């Protein structure tokens, strides 16, 4: 739905991040948060996108 709505405004989509049911359990624990599905997917998106320089 969001993809469709953004298409009307010609907004580039860098990627998708699905719902991560475990993210709340990771809050307050940096290691768990960085290993969450959300963080892994965000890192993939940033690494694939031009204009970002993320040190791995």
N, C-alpha and C. Protein backbone atom coordinates (compact mmCIF):
# COMPACT_ATOMS: atom_id res chain seq x y z
N UNK A 1 0.82 -1.19 0.00
CA UNK A 1 0.00 0.00 0.00
C UNK A 1 0.87 1.27 0.00
N UNK A 2 1.87 1.29 0.82
CA UNK A 2 2.74 2.47 0.88
C UNK A 2 3.45 2.67 -0.44
N UNK A 3 3.95 1.57 -1.02
CA UNK A 3 4.64 1.65 -2.31
C UNK A 3 3.73 2.30 -3.35
N UNK A 4 2.51 1.86 -3.40
CA UNK A 4 1.55 2.39 -4.35
C UNK A 4 1.31 3.88 -4.11
N UNK A 5 1.13 4.26 -2.86
CA UNK A 5 0.88 5.66 -2.53
C UNK A 5 2.06 6.55 -2.89
N UNK A 6 3.28 6.07 -2.66
CA UNK A 6 4.47 6.86 -2.96
C UNK A 6 4.68 7.01 -4.46
N UNK A 7 4.25 6.02 -5.23
CA UNK A 7 4.41 6.07 -6.68
C UNK A 7 3.72 7.31 -7.26
N UNK A 8 2.59 7.66 -6.67
CA UNK A 8 1.85 8.84 -7.13
C UNK A 8 2.67 10.12 -6.98
N UNK A 9 3.58 10.17 -6.02
CA UNK A 9 4.37 11.35 -5.74
C UNK A 9 5.78 11.26 -6.30
N UNK A 10 6.07 10.21 -7.04
CA UNK A 10 7.39 9.99 -7.65
C UNK A 10 8.51 10.01 -6.60
N UNK A 11 8.28 9.30 -5.49
CA UNK A 11 9.26 9.20 -4.41
C UNK A 11 10.08 7.92 -4.62
N UNK A 12 11.40 8.02 -4.67
CA UNK A 12 12.21 6.81 -4.85
C UNK A 12 12.12 5.91 -3.61
N UNK A 13 12.06 4.63 -3.85
CA UNK A 13 12.01 3.65 -2.76
C UNK A 13 13.37 2.96 -2.69
N UNK A 14 14.02 3.07 -1.55
CA UNK A 14 15.35 2.48 -1.38
C UNK A 14 15.26 1.00 -1.01
N UNK A 15 14.17 0.59 -0.39
CA UNK A 15 14.00 -0.80 0.01
C UNK A 15 12.80 -0.95 0.92
N UNK A 16 12.60 -2.16 1.39
CA UNK A 16 11.49 -2.45 2.27
C UNK A 16 11.99 -3.09 3.55
N UNK A 17 11.36 -2.73 4.64
CA UNK A 17 11.66 -3.34 5.93
C UNK A 17 10.35 -3.91 6.45
N UNK A 18 10.32 -5.21 6.61
CA UNK A 18 9.12 -5.85 7.11
C UNK A 18 8.96 -5.64 8.61
N UNK A 19 7.80 -6.01 9.11
CA UNK A 19 7.52 -5.91 10.54
C UNK A 19 8.39 -6.90 11.29
N UNK A 20 9.05 -6.42 12.33
CA UNK A 20 9.93 -7.27 13.15
C UNK A 20 9.32 -7.39 14.54
N UNK A 21 8.69 -8.50 14.81
CA UNK A 21 8.00 -8.70 16.08
C UNK A 21 8.96 -8.71 17.26
N UNK A 22 10.22 -9.01 17.01
CA UNK A 22 11.21 -9.12 18.08
C UNK A 22 11.90 -7.79 18.40
N UNK A 23 11.60 -6.74 17.67
CA UNK A 23 12.34 -5.48 17.85
C UNK A 23 12.14 -4.89 19.25
N UNK A 24 10.92 -4.99 19.78
CA UNK A 24 10.68 -4.44 21.11
C UNK A 24 11.53 -5.11 22.17
N UNK A 25 11.76 -6.41 22.03
CA UNK A 25 12.60 -7.14 22.99
C UNK A 25 14.05 -6.70 22.91
N UNK A 26 14.43 -6.07 21.81
CA UNK A 26 15.81 -5.65 21.61
C UNK A 26 16.10 -4.26 22.18
N UNK A 27 15.07 -3.49 22.44
CA UNK A 27 15.25 -2.12 22.93
C UNK A 27 15.98 -2.16 24.27
N UNK A 28 17.05 -1.39 24.35
CA UNK A 28 17.85 -1.34 25.57
C UNK A 28 19.06 -2.26 25.52
N UNK A 29 19.12 -3.13 24.51
CA UNK A 29 20.24 -4.05 24.37
C UNK A 29 20.84 -3.84 22.97
N UNK A 30 21.90 -3.07 22.92
CA UNK A 30 22.48 -2.67 21.63
C UNK A 30 22.84 -3.88 20.78
N UNK A 31 23.44 -4.89 21.38
CA UNK A 31 23.85 -6.08 20.62
C UNK A 31 22.64 -6.76 19.99
N UNK A 32 21.58 -6.96 20.78
CA UNK A 32 20.37 -7.59 20.24
C UNK A 32 19.74 -6.72 19.16
N UNK A 33 19.75 -5.42 19.37
CA UNK A 33 19.16 -4.50 18.41
C UNK A 33 19.91 -4.56 17.07
N UNK A 34 21.24 -4.55 17.13
CA UNK A 34 22.03 -4.60 15.90
C UNK A 34 21.92 -5.92 15.17
N UNK A 35 21.52 -6.97 15.88
CA UNK A 35 21.35 -8.29 15.27
C UNK A 35 19.90 -8.55 14.86
N UNK A 36 19.02 -7.60 15.10
CA UNK A 36 17.61 -7.78 14.78
C UNK A 36 17.40 -7.81 13.26
N UNK A 37 16.30 -8.39 12.83
CA UNK A 37 15.96 -8.42 11.40
C UNK A 37 15.87 -7.00 10.85
N UNK A 38 15.33 -6.09 11.66
CA UNK A 38 15.20 -4.69 11.25
C UNK A 38 16.57 -4.08 10.93
N UNK A 39 17.52 -4.23 11.85
CA UNK A 39 18.85 -3.65 11.67
C UNK A 39 19.57 -4.28 10.48
N UNK A 40 19.45 -5.58 10.34
CA UNK A 40 20.11 -6.28 9.22
C UNK A 40 19.56 -5.75 7.90
N UNK A 41 18.25 -5.61 7.80
CA UNK A 41 17.64 -5.13 6.56
C UNK A 41 18.01 -3.67 6.30
N UNK A 42 18.04 -2.83 7.34
CA UNK A 42 18.42 -1.43 7.17
C UNK A 42 19.86 -1.32 6.67
N UNK A 43 20.74 -2.15 7.19
CA UNK A 43 22.13 -2.12 6.75
C UNK A 43 22.23 -2.51 5.27
N UNK A 44 21.46 -3.53 4.86
CA UNK A 44 21.45 -3.94 3.45
C UNK A 44 21.00 -2.77 2.56
N UNK A 45 19.95 -2.10 2.97
CA UNK A 45 19.41 -1.00 2.18
C UNK A 45 20.43 0.13 2.07
N UNK A 46 21.05 0.48 3.17
CA UNK A 46 22.03 1.57 3.17
C UNK A 46 23.23 1.21 2.31
N UNK A 47 23.71 -0.02 2.43
CA UNK A 47 24.88 -0.43 1.65
C UNK A 47 24.61 -0.44 0.15
N UNK A 48 23.37 -0.72 -0.24
CA UNK A 48 23.01 -0.78 -1.66
C UNK A 48 22.69 0.60 -2.23
N UNK A 49 22.48 1.58 -1.38
CA UNK A 49 22.04 2.90 -1.83
C UNK A 49 23.23 3.82 -2.05
N UNK A 50 23.19 4.55 -3.13
CA UNK A 50 24.26 5.50 -3.39
C UNK A 50 24.12 6.69 -2.45
N UNK A 51 25.23 7.31 -2.15
CA UNK A 51 25.21 8.48 -1.30
C UNK A 51 25.44 8.18 0.18
N UNK A 52 25.52 6.91 0.52
CA UNK A 52 25.76 6.52 1.90
C UNK A 52 27.15 5.91 2.00
N UNK A 53 27.84 6.22 3.06
CA UNK A 53 29.16 5.62 3.30
C UNK A 53 29.15 5.01 4.68
N UNK A 54 28.71 3.75 4.76
CA UNK A 54 28.61 3.06 6.04
C UNK A 54 29.81 2.14 6.18
N UNK A 55 30.58 2.39 7.20
CA UNK A 55 31.76 1.54 7.47
C UNK A 55 31.27 0.21 8.02
N UNK A 56 31.74 -0.89 7.42
CA UNK A 56 31.31 -2.23 7.88
C UNK A 56 32.33 -2.84 8.78
